[in-house]
Amino acid sequence: MHNERTAIVDNSVADNVASEEVIAENPSPDNNGPAAAIAAGIHEGAVAPTEVVDTALWRISEQNRKTNAFSVIRTEQAKTEAAELEQRSDLEELPMAGVPVAVEHTLAVAGETVLAGSAAVDQTSARFDDQVVRRLRAAGAVIVGLTSVSELGLWATTDGAGHITRNPWNARRTAGGASGGAAAAVAAGLVPVAHGIDGLGSVRIPAACCGVYGFKPGRHIVPNLDDSSGMSENGVFATTVGDAALMLSVMAARPNLAEVDPPGRLRIALAVDPPLRFLRVDRQWATAARTAAAVAAAAGHRVELTTLPYGSALAAVLLRWLTAPLPSAARLTHPERLQPRTRQHLALGRLVQRLRLVRPAQIDRIEARLLEFFERYDVVITPTLAAPPPKARPWSMRGWLTNVLTSTHFSPFVPIWNLVGWPAASIPMGMHNRSNTPVAAQLAGPPGSEATLLRLSAQLEELRPWARTVH
């Protein structure tokens, strides 16, 4: 094991040298900077909320057509909200004062539809904000738009009738999904932070595709009012770990999560083998995980190469993924408008439900093995993805099996953490020299390890920064 660890560190040194050309300087603390810098500027009176929001709206209107990141741009509403915010006497007390934020077009935002990427959903506007949106507003954030999402948040690419959400680094590749629009918006520099729902890796997949930091908390950290499957959590996208921690602390109403000082010495497992033997891992994606492990080892953490006890996790995930959308599908006003792949998905889900193939004992066994594994480790590092993002095509027009096989091929590492409801993050680790898209490592930990993952992520970011945005 000592030799294996030494090899990891050596690979990191070579990779750092090779990737210098894609590392950008941290943006200046102006109205296009990180969320924390924007809020600080507003607290100090150096910039006004209306200036920040106007700049963000202009940028979105000028550049959104390149990626189709936004499905709704709240131009007049956001300007009004920024002007009202500007009159408040307590701006200095608001942790996200004036920060332009994007929200996935699945949460309720008063006055806006809740389409979840589907023409089958009720087209009426929400009367009230979701609790997460209320918390963001209460912290001073301004909702500038709603981001594109795959239908019902089911698919690992984001597209629909007449639009494809594209990767800002390479428009010929997908931004990922289901929350591809949010990741693309942050990566393109349209907003500094964004909300996304991680249902089967739906935050970490697009974060990895687009080279931004993505975080999924564990269960019961952030309010989640409409998930009967137990696999979905409200997560965040950001250009910096500090910004992600700030936004998560607001969404969770836990201010301590915003503190990202270095963690104590951690026991870290490196697991690059895929969950199924027949799956292949692209060498550059495996290197992303090894690089993250090497940086962690250089920071003083104990790193060991090992194998995660996946067991039958992917089979259990598939069964729950099939049945997860059934409750919300039962409330659709126009089910005949669903995409063909989604209709087939729901039909298979009803079959699984009738056969009673989903049983709690399946998760219990998997979780028991993972708990035993984490008696020896604090964090595990894996590749976030197994291959570069698929090409930007109308995947919504393709069959269910084609979509499933494509998703399984490039994103097998992420869903186990949704199955058990544990926290996980995706952190950028360079660029893929063939696809010209980012690569990333996934960090995951046991229940309650959100702060540990954020602190470790911030430490890795400091030692190995990444290009914040494409521009």
Protein backbone atom coordinates (compact mmCIF):
# COMPACT_ATOMS: atom_id res chain seq x y z
CA MET A 1 0.00 0.00 0.00
CA HIS A 2 2.87 2.39 0.69
CA ASN A 3 4.11 2.01 -2.89
CA GLU A 4 0.63 2.55 -4.30
CA ARG A 5 0.25 5.76 -2.33
CA THR A 6 3.63 7.05 -3.49
CA ALA A 7 2.62 6.42 -7.11
CA ILE A 8 -0.54 8.45 -6.60
CA VAL A 9 1.44 11.44 -5.37
CA ASP A 10 3.85 11.21 -8.32
CA ASN A 11 0.94 11.20 -10.78
CA SER A 12 -0.42 14.35 -9.14
CA VAL A 13 2.82 16.27 -9.69
CA ALA A 14 2.87 15.41 -13.40
CA ASP A 15 -0.81 16.24 -13.80
CA ASN A 16 -0.43 19.61 -12.08
CA VAL A 17 2.30 20.62 -14.53
CA ALA A 18 0.27 19.44 -17.54
CA SER A 19 -2.85 21.31 -16.48
CA GLU A 20 -1.39 24.73 -15.73
CA GLU A 21 -2.63 26.20 -18.97
CA VAL A 22 -6.30 25.65 -18.06
CA ILE A 23 -6.10 27.13 -14.56
CA ALA A 24 -7.44 30.67 -14.43
CA GLU A 25 -6.83 33.30 -11.80
CA ASN A 26 -9.57 33.81 -9.25
CA PRO A 27 -12.03 36.43 -10.52
CA SER A 28 -11.84 39.85 -8.90
CA PRO A 29 -14.38 40.74 -6.22
CA ASP A 30 -16.69 42.70 -8.54
CA ASN A 31 -20.24 42.09 -9.75
CA ASN A 32 -19.02 39.12 -11.80
CA GLY A 33 -17.04 37.56 -8.96
CA PRO A 34 -17.79 34.75 -6.55
CA ALA A 35 -21.03 35.02 -4.56
CA ALA A 36 -19.17 35.73 -1.32
CA ALA A 37 -17.27 38.60 -2.98
CA ILE A 38 -20.49 40.05 -4.41
CA ALA A 39 -22.17 39.97 -1.01
CA ALA A 40 -19.08 41.52 0.60
CA GLY A 41 -19.07 44.32 -1.98
CA ILE A 42 -22.72 45.06 -1.27
CA HIS A 43 -22.13 44.97 2.49
CA GLU A 44 -19.34 47.54 2.05
CA GLY A 45 -21.38 49.73 -0.27
CA ALA A 46 -18.92 49.26 -3.14
CA VAL A 47 -21.64 47.99 -5.46
CA ALA A 48 -25.45 48.04 -5.40
CA PRO A 49 -27.78 45.03 -5.78
CA THR A 50 -29.37 46.62 -8.85
CA GLU A 51 -25.97 46.92 -10.56
CA VAL A 52 -25.11 43.30 -9.86
CA VAL A 53 -28.48 41.99 -11.03
CA ASP A 54 -28.55 44.19 -14.15
CA THR A 55 -25.12 42.88 -15.14
CA ALA A 56 -26.20 39.27 -14.60
CA LEU A 57 -29.40 39.75 -16.62
CA TRP A 58 -27.49 41.39 -19.46
CA ARG A 59 -25.00 38.53 -19.50
CA ILE A 60 -27.78 35.93 -19.52
CA SER A 61 -29.65 37.66 -22.37
CA GLU A 62 -26.47 37.90 -24.43
CA GLN A 63 -25.14 34.39 -23.89
CA ASN A 64 -27.98 32.05 -22.97
CA ARG A 65 -28.58 31.07 -26.60
CA LYS A 66 -25.14 29.43 -26.68
CA THR A 67 -26.01 26.89 -23.98
CA ASN A 68 -29.80 27.02 -23.43
CA ALA A 69 -29.03 27.02 -19.72
CA PHE A 70 -32.14 29.02 -18.79
CA SER A 71 -35.73 28.12 -19.56
CA VAL A 72 -37.05 31.31 -17.90
CA ILE A 73 -35.24 34.65 -17.51
CA ARG A 74 -36.92 36.74 -14.80
CA THR A 75 -35.81 40.12 -16.14
CA GLU A 76 -38.46 42.48 -14.76
CA GLN A 77 -39.14 40.48 -11.61
CA ALA A 78 -35.45 40.27 -10.72
CA LYS A 79 -34.93 44.01 -11.31
CA THR A 80 -37.87 44.80 -9.06
CA GLU A 81 -36.63 42.44 -6.35
CA ALA A 82 -33.12 43.94 -6.52
CA ALA A 83 -34.51 47.48 -6.21
CA GLU A 84 -36.59 46.46 -3.18
CA LEU A 85 -33.59 44.75 -1.65
CA GLU A 86 -31.53 47.89 -2.12
CA GLN A 87 -33.88 49.81 0.18
CA ARG A 88 -33.46 47.43 3.10
CA SER A 89 -31.60 48.68 6.16
CA ASP A 90 -30.24 45.25 7.09
CA LEU A 91 -28.21 44.47 3.95
CA GLU A 92 -25.06 43.92 6.00
CA GLU A 93 -26.78 41.10 7.86
CA LEU A 94 -27.79 39.17 4.73
CA PRO A 95 -25.19 36.49 3.83
CA MET A 96 -26.18 36.45 0.14
CA ALA A 97 -27.10 40.11 -0.26
CA GLY A 98 -27.71 40.88 -3.93
CA VAL A 99 -26.26 37.60 -5.22
CA PRO A 100 -27.87 36.54 -8.54
CA VAL A 101 -29.06 32.95 -8.16
CA ALA A 102 -30.53 30.49 -10.63
CA VAL A 103 -33.10 27.93 -9.49
CA GLU A 104 -33.85 24.67 -11.26
CA HIS A 105 -37.19 24.88 -13.08
CA THR A 106 -38.61 22.25 -10.73
CA LEU A 107 -38.92 24.20 -7.46
CA ALA A 108 -41.87 26.48 -6.87
CA VAL A 109 -41.03 30.16 -7.40
CA ALA A 110 -44.04 32.40 -6.86
CA GLY A 111 -45.42 33.65 -10.16
CA GLU A 112 -43.56 31.06 -12.24
CA THR A 113 -44.52 27.65 -13.59
CA VAL A 114 -43.08 24.46 -12.12
CA LEU A 115 -42.54 22.59 -15.36
CA ALA A 116 -39.82 20.08 -14.43
CA GLY A 117 -38.79 20.00 -18.08
CA SER A 118 -42.11 18.59 -19.28
CA ALA A 119 -45.02 19.74 -21.43
CA ALA A 120 -47.18 17.29 -19.47
CA VAL A 121 -47.01 19.37 -16.27
CA ASP A 122 -49.68 21.88 -15.20
CA GLN A 123 -48.83 25.21 -16.83
CA THR A 124 -50.28 27.40 -14.07
CA SER A 125 -47.95 29.55 -11.99
CA ALA A 126 -47.01 28.77 -8.41
CA ARG A 127 -48.72 30.90 -5.77
CA PHE A 128 -45.96 30.52 -3.17
CA ASP A 129 -42.22 29.97 -3.02
CA ASP A 130 -40.79 26.61 -2.07
CA GLN A 131 -39.18 26.69 1.38
CA VAL A 132 -35.69 26.56 -0.16
CA VAL A 133 -36.50 29.56 -2.35
CA ARG A 134 -37.86 31.43 0.68
CA ARG A 135 -34.62 30.83 2.53
CA LEU A 136 -32.54 32.06 -0.41
CA ARG A 137 -34.62 35.22 -0.68
CA ALA A 138 -34.45 35.78 3.08
CA ALA A 139 -30.64 35.66 2.81
CA GLY A 140 -30.72 38.41 0.17
CA ALA A 141 -30.38 36.32 -3.00
CA VAL A 142 -32.17 37.47 -6.15
CA ILE A 143 -33.68 34.76 -8.39
CA VAL A 144 -32.71 35.86 -11.89
CA GLY A 145 -33.98 32.81 -13.76
CA LEU A 146 -35.04 29.18 -13.86
CA THR A 147 -32.72 26.64 -15.43
CA SER A 148 -33.39 23.88 -17.93
CA VAL A 149 -33.89 20.36 -16.63
CA SER A 150 -34.55 17.01 -18.28
CA GLU A 151 -38.13 15.75 -18.19
CA LEU A 152 -39.23 15.12 -14.60
CA GLY A 153 -35.54 15.25 -13.67
CA LEU A 154 -35.09 11.67 -14.86
CA TRP A 155 -32.36 11.81 -17.47
CA ALA A 156 -28.59 12.32 -17.47
CA THR A 157 -28.72 14.71 -20.44
CA THR A 158 -30.82 17.88 -20.68
CA ASP A 159 -32.89 18.48 -23.78
CA GLY A 160 -36.49 18.75 -24.92
CA ALA A 161 -38.67 19.92 -27.76
CA GLY A 162 -36.62 22.36 -29.80
CA HIS A 163 -33.71 22.83 -27.38
CA ILE A 164 -30.55 21.09 -26.23
CA THR A 165 -28.61 22.32 -23.21
CA ARG A 166 -24.98 22.41 -24.30
CA ASN A 167 -21.69 22.26 -22.46
CA PRO A 168 -20.06 25.72 -22.23
CA TRP A 169 -16.60 24.17 -22.70
CA ASN A 170 -17.56 22.28 -25.85
CA ALA A 171 -20.94 22.98 -27.43
CA ARG A 172 -20.84 19.64 -29.21
CA ARG A 173 -21.17 17.88 -25.83
CA THR A 174 -24.06 17.76 -23.38
CA ALA A 175 -24.02 19.74 -20.15
CA GLY A 176 -25.24 16.61 -18.40
CA GLY A 177 -28.44 16.21 -16.47
CA ALA A 178 -30.88 16.31 -15.02
CA SER A 179 -29.80 19.76 -13.80
CA GLY A 180 -27.72 20.51 -16.88
CA GLY A 181 -29.01 24.06 -17.20
CA ALA A 182 -27.84 25.04 -13.71
CA ALA A 183 -24.35 23.66 -14.26
CA ALA A 184 -24.09 25.34 -17.66
CA ALA A 185 -25.24 28.67 -16.21
CA VAL A 186 -22.52 28.63 -13.57
CA ALA A 187 -19.78 27.34 -15.89
CA ALA A 188 -20.60 30.01 -18.48
CA GLY A 189 -20.32 32.73 -15.83
CA LEU A 190 -23.98 33.73 -16.08
CA VAL A 191 -24.54 33.34 -12.33
CA PRO A 192 -22.04 32.58 -9.55
CA VAL A 193 -24.22 29.94 -7.87
CA ALA A 194 -27.25 27.84 -8.76
CA HIS A 195 -29.68 25.41 -7.21
CA GLY A 196 -30.19 21.91 -8.56
CA ILE A 197 -31.94 18.74 -7.48
CA ASP A 198 -29.74 15.66 -7.25
CA GLY A 199 -31.98 12.64 -7.83
CA LEU A 200 -29.56 10.15 -9.34
CA GLY A 201 -26.38 12.19 -9.51
CA SER A 202 -28.31 15.02 -11.15
CA VAL A 203 -26.09 17.70 -9.56
CA ARG A 204 -22.77 15.87 -9.59
CA ILE A 205 -23.09 14.63 -13.20
CA PRO A 206 -23.57 18.08 -14.80
CA ALA A 207 -21.11 19.66 -12.35
CA ALA A 208 -18.48 17.19 -13.56
CA CYS A 209 -19.43 17.70 -17.20
CA CYS A 210 -19.18 21.49 -16.90
CA GLY A 211 -16.21 21.84 -14.54
CA VAL A 212 -17.94 23.45 -11.56
CA TYR A 213 -18.23 22.34 -7.95
CA GLY A 214 -21.42 20.44 -7.19
CA PHE A 215 -22.64 19.29 -3.78
CA LYS A 216 -25.45 16.95 -2.73
CA PRO A 217 -26.20 16.90 1.01
CA GLY A 218 -27.47 13.86 2.83
CA ARG A 219 -31.07 13.34 3.87
CA HIS A 220 -32.82 15.85 6.14
CA ILE A 221 -30.14 18.55 5.72
CA VAL A 222 -32.11 20.72 3.27
CA PRO A 223 -35.95 20.71 3.19
CA ASN A 224 -37.28 18.40 0.50
CA LEU A 225 -41.05 18.39 0.37
CA ASP A 226 -41.76 16.26 -2.70
CA ASP A 227 -39.60 13.16 -2.81
CA SER A 228 -41.31 9.92 -1.91
CA SER A 229 -38.36 7.85 -3.17
CA GLY A 230 -35.89 9.23 -0.65
CA MET A 231 -33.25 9.55 -3.40
CA SER A 232 -33.48 13.27 -4.26
CA GLU A 233 -31.91 16.20 -2.44
CA ASN A 234 -31.67 19.92 -3.11
CA GLY A 235 -28.05 20.66 -3.96
CA VAL A 236 -25.83 23.48 -5.17
CA PHE A 237 -23.51 24.46 -8.02
CA ALA A 238 -20.75 27.05 -7.62
CA THR A 239 -17.43 28.18 -9.04
CA THR A 240 -15.83 27.94 -5.59
CA VAL A 241 -16.27 25.59 -2.65
CA GLY A 242 -16.76 28.59 -0.35
CA ASP A 243 -19.71 29.78 -2.44
CA ALA A 244 -21.26 26.30 -2.43
CA ALA A 245 -20.85 26.09 1.33
CA LEU A 246 -22.40 29.55 1.74
CA MET A 247 -25.45 28.70 -0.36
CA LEU A 248 -25.86 25.29 1.26
CA SER A 249 -25.68 26.88 4.72
CA VAL A 250 -28.55 29.17 3.72
CA MET A 251 -30.65 26.39 2.17
CA ALA A 252 -30.10 24.19 5.22
CA ALA A 253 -30.41 27.04 7.75
CA ARG A 254 -27.12 25.84 9.24
CA PRO A 255 -24.64 28.77 9.25
CA ASN A 256 -21.80 26.54 10.44
CA LEU A 257 -21.74 24.79 7.05
CA ALA A 258 -20.31 27.99 5.54
CA GLU A 259 -17.10 27.50 7.53
CA VAL A 260 -14.55 25.70 5.37
CA ASP A 261 -11.35 25.74 7.41
CA PRO A 262 -9.04 22.76 6.72
CA PRO A 263 -10.20 19.50 8.32
CA GLY A 264 -8.12 17.44 10.69
CA ARG A 265 -6.14 14.49 9.33
CA LEU A 266 -8.56 12.23 7.49
CA ARG A 267 -8.56 8.58 6.51
CA ILE A 268 -9.32 8.63 2.80
CA ALA A 269 -10.12 5.69 0.52
CA LEU A 270 -9.39 5.88 -3.20
CA ALA A 271 -11.71 3.62 -5.22
CA VAL A 272 -11.39 3.82 -9.02
CA ASP A 273 -12.91 0.44 -9.96
CA PRO A 274 -16.43 0.72 -11.46
CA PRO A 275 -19.49 -0.72 -9.70
CA LEU A 276 -19.84 -3.43 -12.38
CA ARG A 277 -16.97 -5.38 -13.90
CA PHE A 278 -18.08 -4.95 -17.51
CA LEU A 279 -18.04 -1.13 -17.22
CA ARG A 280 -14.90 0.63 -18.38
CA VAL A 281 -13.42 3.76 -16.85
CA ASP A 282 -11.75 6.27 -19.15
CA ARG A 283 -8.12 6.65 -18.09
CA GLN A 284 -8.33 10.43 -17.75
CA TRP A 285 -11.35 10.15 -15.46
CA ALA A 286 -9.53 7.60 -13.31
CA THR A 287 -6.59 10.01 -13.21
CA ALA A 288 -8.91 12.74 -11.93
CA ALA A 289 -9.66 10.64 -8.85
CA ARG A 290 -6.01 9.71 -8.40
CA THR A 291 -5.03 13.37 -8.65
CA ALA A 292 -7.52 14.36 -5.95
CA ALA A 293 -6.19 11.58 -3.75
CA ALA A 294 -2.62 12.69 -4.37
CA VAL A 295 -3.40 16.28 -3.40
CA ALA A 296 -5.11 14.99 -0.25
CA ALA A 297 -2.08 12.86 0.59
CA ALA A 298 0.22 15.85 0.05
CA ALA A 299 -1.96 17.79 2.50
CA GLY A 300 -1.21 15.19 5.17
CA HIS A 301 -4.22 12.89 4.94
CA ARG A 302 -3.81 9.11 4.96
CA VAL A 303 -4.83 7.74 1.56
CA GLU A 304 -5.32 4.08 0.66
CA LEU A 305 -6.29 2.44 -2.60
CA THR A 306 -9.21 0.09 -2.05
CA THR A 307 -12.50 -1.13 -3.51
CA LEU A 308 -15.96 0.10 -2.56
CA PRO A 309 -18.46 -2.63 -1.61
CA TYR A 310 -21.05 -1.70 -4.25
CA GLY A 311 -22.70 -5.11 -4.19
CA SER A 312 -26.08 -4.95 -5.94
CA ALA A 313 -26.35 -1.18 -5.61
CA LEU A 314 -26.90 -0.43 -9.32
CA ALA A 315 -29.71 -3.00 -9.56
CA ALA A 316 -31.39 -1.53 -6.49
CA VAL A 317 -30.95 1.96 -7.93
CA LEU A 318 -32.56 0.94 -11.22
CA LEU A 319 -35.64 -0.47 -9.49
CA ARG A 320 -36.13 2.66 -7.37
CA TRP A 321 -35.43 4.97 -10.28
CA LEU A 322 -38.22 3.26 -12.21
CA THR A 323 -40.78 3.74 -9.45
CA ALA A 324 -39.61 7.13 -8.11
CA PRO A 325 -41.58 9.35 -10.56
CA LEU A 326 -44.88 7.44 -10.26
CA PRO A 327 -46.45 9.66 -7.54
CA SER A 328 -45.70 12.89 -9.42
CA ALA A 329 -46.69 11.31 -12.74
CA ALA A 330 -50.11 10.52 -11.31
CA ARG A 331 -50.69 14.29 -10.94
CA LEU A 332 -49.75 15.22 -14.52
CA THR A 333 -52.43 17.19 -16.35
CA HIS A 334 -51.36 16.11 -19.85
CA PRO A 335 -49.66 12.69 -19.62
CA GLU A 336 -50.11 12.23 -23.36
CA ARG A 337 -47.47 14.95 -23.88
CA LEU A 338 -44.71 13.02 -22.14
CA GLN A 339 -41.61 12.12 -24.11
CA PRO A 340 -41.62 8.52 -25.42
CA ARG A 341 -38.67 7.52 -23.20
CA THR A 342 -40.52 8.85 -20.14
CA ARG A 343 -43.75 7.03 -21.02
CA GLN A 344 -41.83 3.78 -21.28
CA HIS A 345 -40.05 4.54 -18.02
CA LEU A 346 -43.36 4.99 -16.21
CA ALA A 347 -44.79 1.81 -17.73
CA LEU A 348 -41.79 -0.16 -16.48
CA GLY A 349 -42.10 1.52 -13.10
CA ARG A 350 -45.72 0.40 -12.76
CA LEU A 351 -44.65 -3.15 -13.60
CA VAL A 352 -41.93 -3.07 -10.95
CA GLN A 353 -44.48 -1.73 -8.48
CA ARG A 354 -47.02 -4.46 -9.27
CA LEU A 355 -44.36 -7.15 -8.89
CA ARG A 356 -43.25 -5.59 -5.58
CA LEU A 357 -39.61 -5.71 -6.60
CA VAL A 358 -38.64 -2.73 -4.45
CA ARG A 359 -37.97 -3.84 -0.89
CA PRO A 360 -36.32 -1.99 2.03
CA ALA A 361 -34.03 -4.95 2.74
CA GLN A 362 -32.19 -4.27 -0.52
CA ILE A 363 -30.96 -0.90 0.76
CA ASP A 364 -30.38 -2.21 4.28
CA ARG A 365 -27.80 -4.72 3.03
CA ILE A 366 -25.99 -2.17 0.88
CA GLU A 367 -25.97 0.44 3.63
CA ALA A 368 -24.69 -2.09 6.19
CA ARG A 369 -21.68 -2.88 3.97
CA LEU A 370 -20.98 0.82 3.46
CA LEU A 371 -21.20 1.55 7.19
CA GLU A 372 -18.67 -1.22 7.80
CA PHE A 373 -16.44 0.25 5.09
CA PHE A 374 -16.58 3.70 6.70
CA GLU A 375 -15.48 2.35 10.04
CA ARG A 376 -12.03 2.42 8.43
CA TYR A 377 -12.38 5.64 6.39
CA ASP A 378 -13.80 9.14 6.71
CA VAL A 379 -14.11 9.91 3.00
CA VAL A 380 -13.97 7.97 -0.25
CA ILE A 381 -12.71 9.45 -3.54
CA THR A 382 -13.88 8.04 -6.88
CA PRO A 383 -14.03 9.42 -10.40
CA THR A 384 -17.27 11.39 -10.73
CA LEU A 385 -17.87 10.00 -14.21
CA ALA A 386 -16.45 7.10 -16.18
CA ALA A 387 -16.30 8.82 -19.58
CA PRO A 388 -16.62 12.28 -21.16
CA PRO A 389 -20.10 13.78 -21.58
CA PRO A 390 -22.12 12.33 -24.47
CA LYS A 391 -22.62 14.39 -27.59
CA ALA A 392 -25.26 17.12 -27.49
CA ARG A 393 -28.08 15.39 -29.33
CA PRO A 394 -31.88 15.22 -28.96
CA TRP A 395 -31.69 12.34 -26.49
CA SER A 396 -35.34 12.93 -25.60
CA MET A 397 -36.25 11.53 -29.01
CA ARG A 398 -34.32 8.32 -28.45
CA GLY A 399 -35.55 5.19 -26.77
CA TRP A 400 -35.52 4.35 -23.09
CA LEU A 401 -32.87 1.65 -23.38
CA THR A 402 -30.52 3.87 -25.38
CA ASN A 403 -30.76 6.56 -22.70
CA VAL A 404 -30.24 4.07 -19.87
CA LEU A 405 -27.21 2.42 -21.46
CA THR A 406 -25.65 5.81 -22.22
CA SER A 407 -26.20 7.01 -18.64
CA THR A 408 -24.84 3.78 -17.15
CA HIS A 409 -21.76 3.94 -19.34
CA PHE A 410 -20.70 7.44 -18.36
CA SER A 411 -22.10 7.93 -14.84
CA PRO A 412 -22.02 4.67 -12.82
CA PHE A 413 -20.21 6.12 -9.78
CA VAL A 414 -22.81 8.62 -8.57
CA PRO A 415 -26.19 6.92 -7.86
CA ILE A 416 -25.20 4.77 -4.88
CA TRP A 417 -25.08 7.89 -2.69
CA ASN A 418 -28.66 8.74 -3.68
CA LEU A 419 -29.72 5.20 -2.85
CA VAL A 420 -28.46 5.42 0.73
CA GLY A 421 -29.03 9.18 1.11
CA TRP A 422 -25.45 10.11 2.02
CA PRO A 423 -23.62 13.35 1.08
CA ALA A 424 -21.36 13.57 -1.97
CA ALA A 425 -19.61 16.22 -4.06
CA SER A 426 -17.97 16.61 -7.45
CA ILE A 427 -14.79 18.70 -7.62
CA PRO A 428 -13.03 19.72 -10.88
CA MET A 429 -9.64 18.09 -11.51
CA GLY A 430 -8.48 19.30 -14.91
CA MET A 431 -9.46 18.83 -18.55
CA HIS A 432 -9.93 15.84 -20.83
CA ASN A 433 -7.58 16.34 -23.75
CA ARG A 434 -9.76 14.51 -26.27
CA SER A 435 -13.26 15.77 -25.47
CA ASN A 436 -12.10 19.26 -24.39
CA THR A 437 -14.39 19.05 -21.38
CA PRO A 438 -13.52 18.99 -17.68
CA VAL A 439 -12.80 15.92 -15.56
CA ALA A 440 -13.67 15.65 -11.87
CA ALA A 441 -13.38 13.57 -8.74
CA GLN A 442 -16.23 12.57 -6.45
CA LEU A 443 -15.94 12.85 -2.67
CA ALA A 444 -18.45 10.98 -0.53
CA GLY A 445 -18.89 10.25 3.13
CA PRO A 446 -21.22 8.72 5.73
CA PRO A 447 -24.30 10.47 7.17
CA GLY A 448 -23.46 13.77 8.79
CA SER A 449 -20.17 14.29 6.93
CA GLU A 450 -21.28 17.37 4.95
CA ALA A 451 -18.90 19.69 6.83
CA THR A 452 -16.00 17.25 6.40
CA LEU A 453 -16.57 16.99 2.64
CA LEU A 454 -16.83 20.76 2.25
CA ARG A 455 -13.67 21.39 4.28
CA LEU A 456 -11.71 18.75 2.39
CA SER A 457 -13.00 20.15 -0.91
CA ALA A 458 -11.86 23.64 0.05
CA GLN A 459 -8.44 22.31 0.97
CA LEU A 460 -8.12 20.53 -2.40
CA GLU A 461 -9.29 23.67 -4.18
CA GLU A 462 -6.64 25.77 -2.47
CA LEU A 463 -3.89 23.34 -3.41
CA ARG A 464 -5.15 22.68 -6.92
CA PRO A 465 -7.43 25.47 -8.22
CA TRP A 466 -9.39 25.18 -11.45
CA ALA A 467 -10.64 27.50 -14.17
CA ARG A 468 -13.71 29.12 -12.60
CA THR A 469 -15.67 29.68 -15.80
CA VAL A 470 -15.21 29.24 -19.51
CA HIS A 471 -14.81 33.00 -20.05
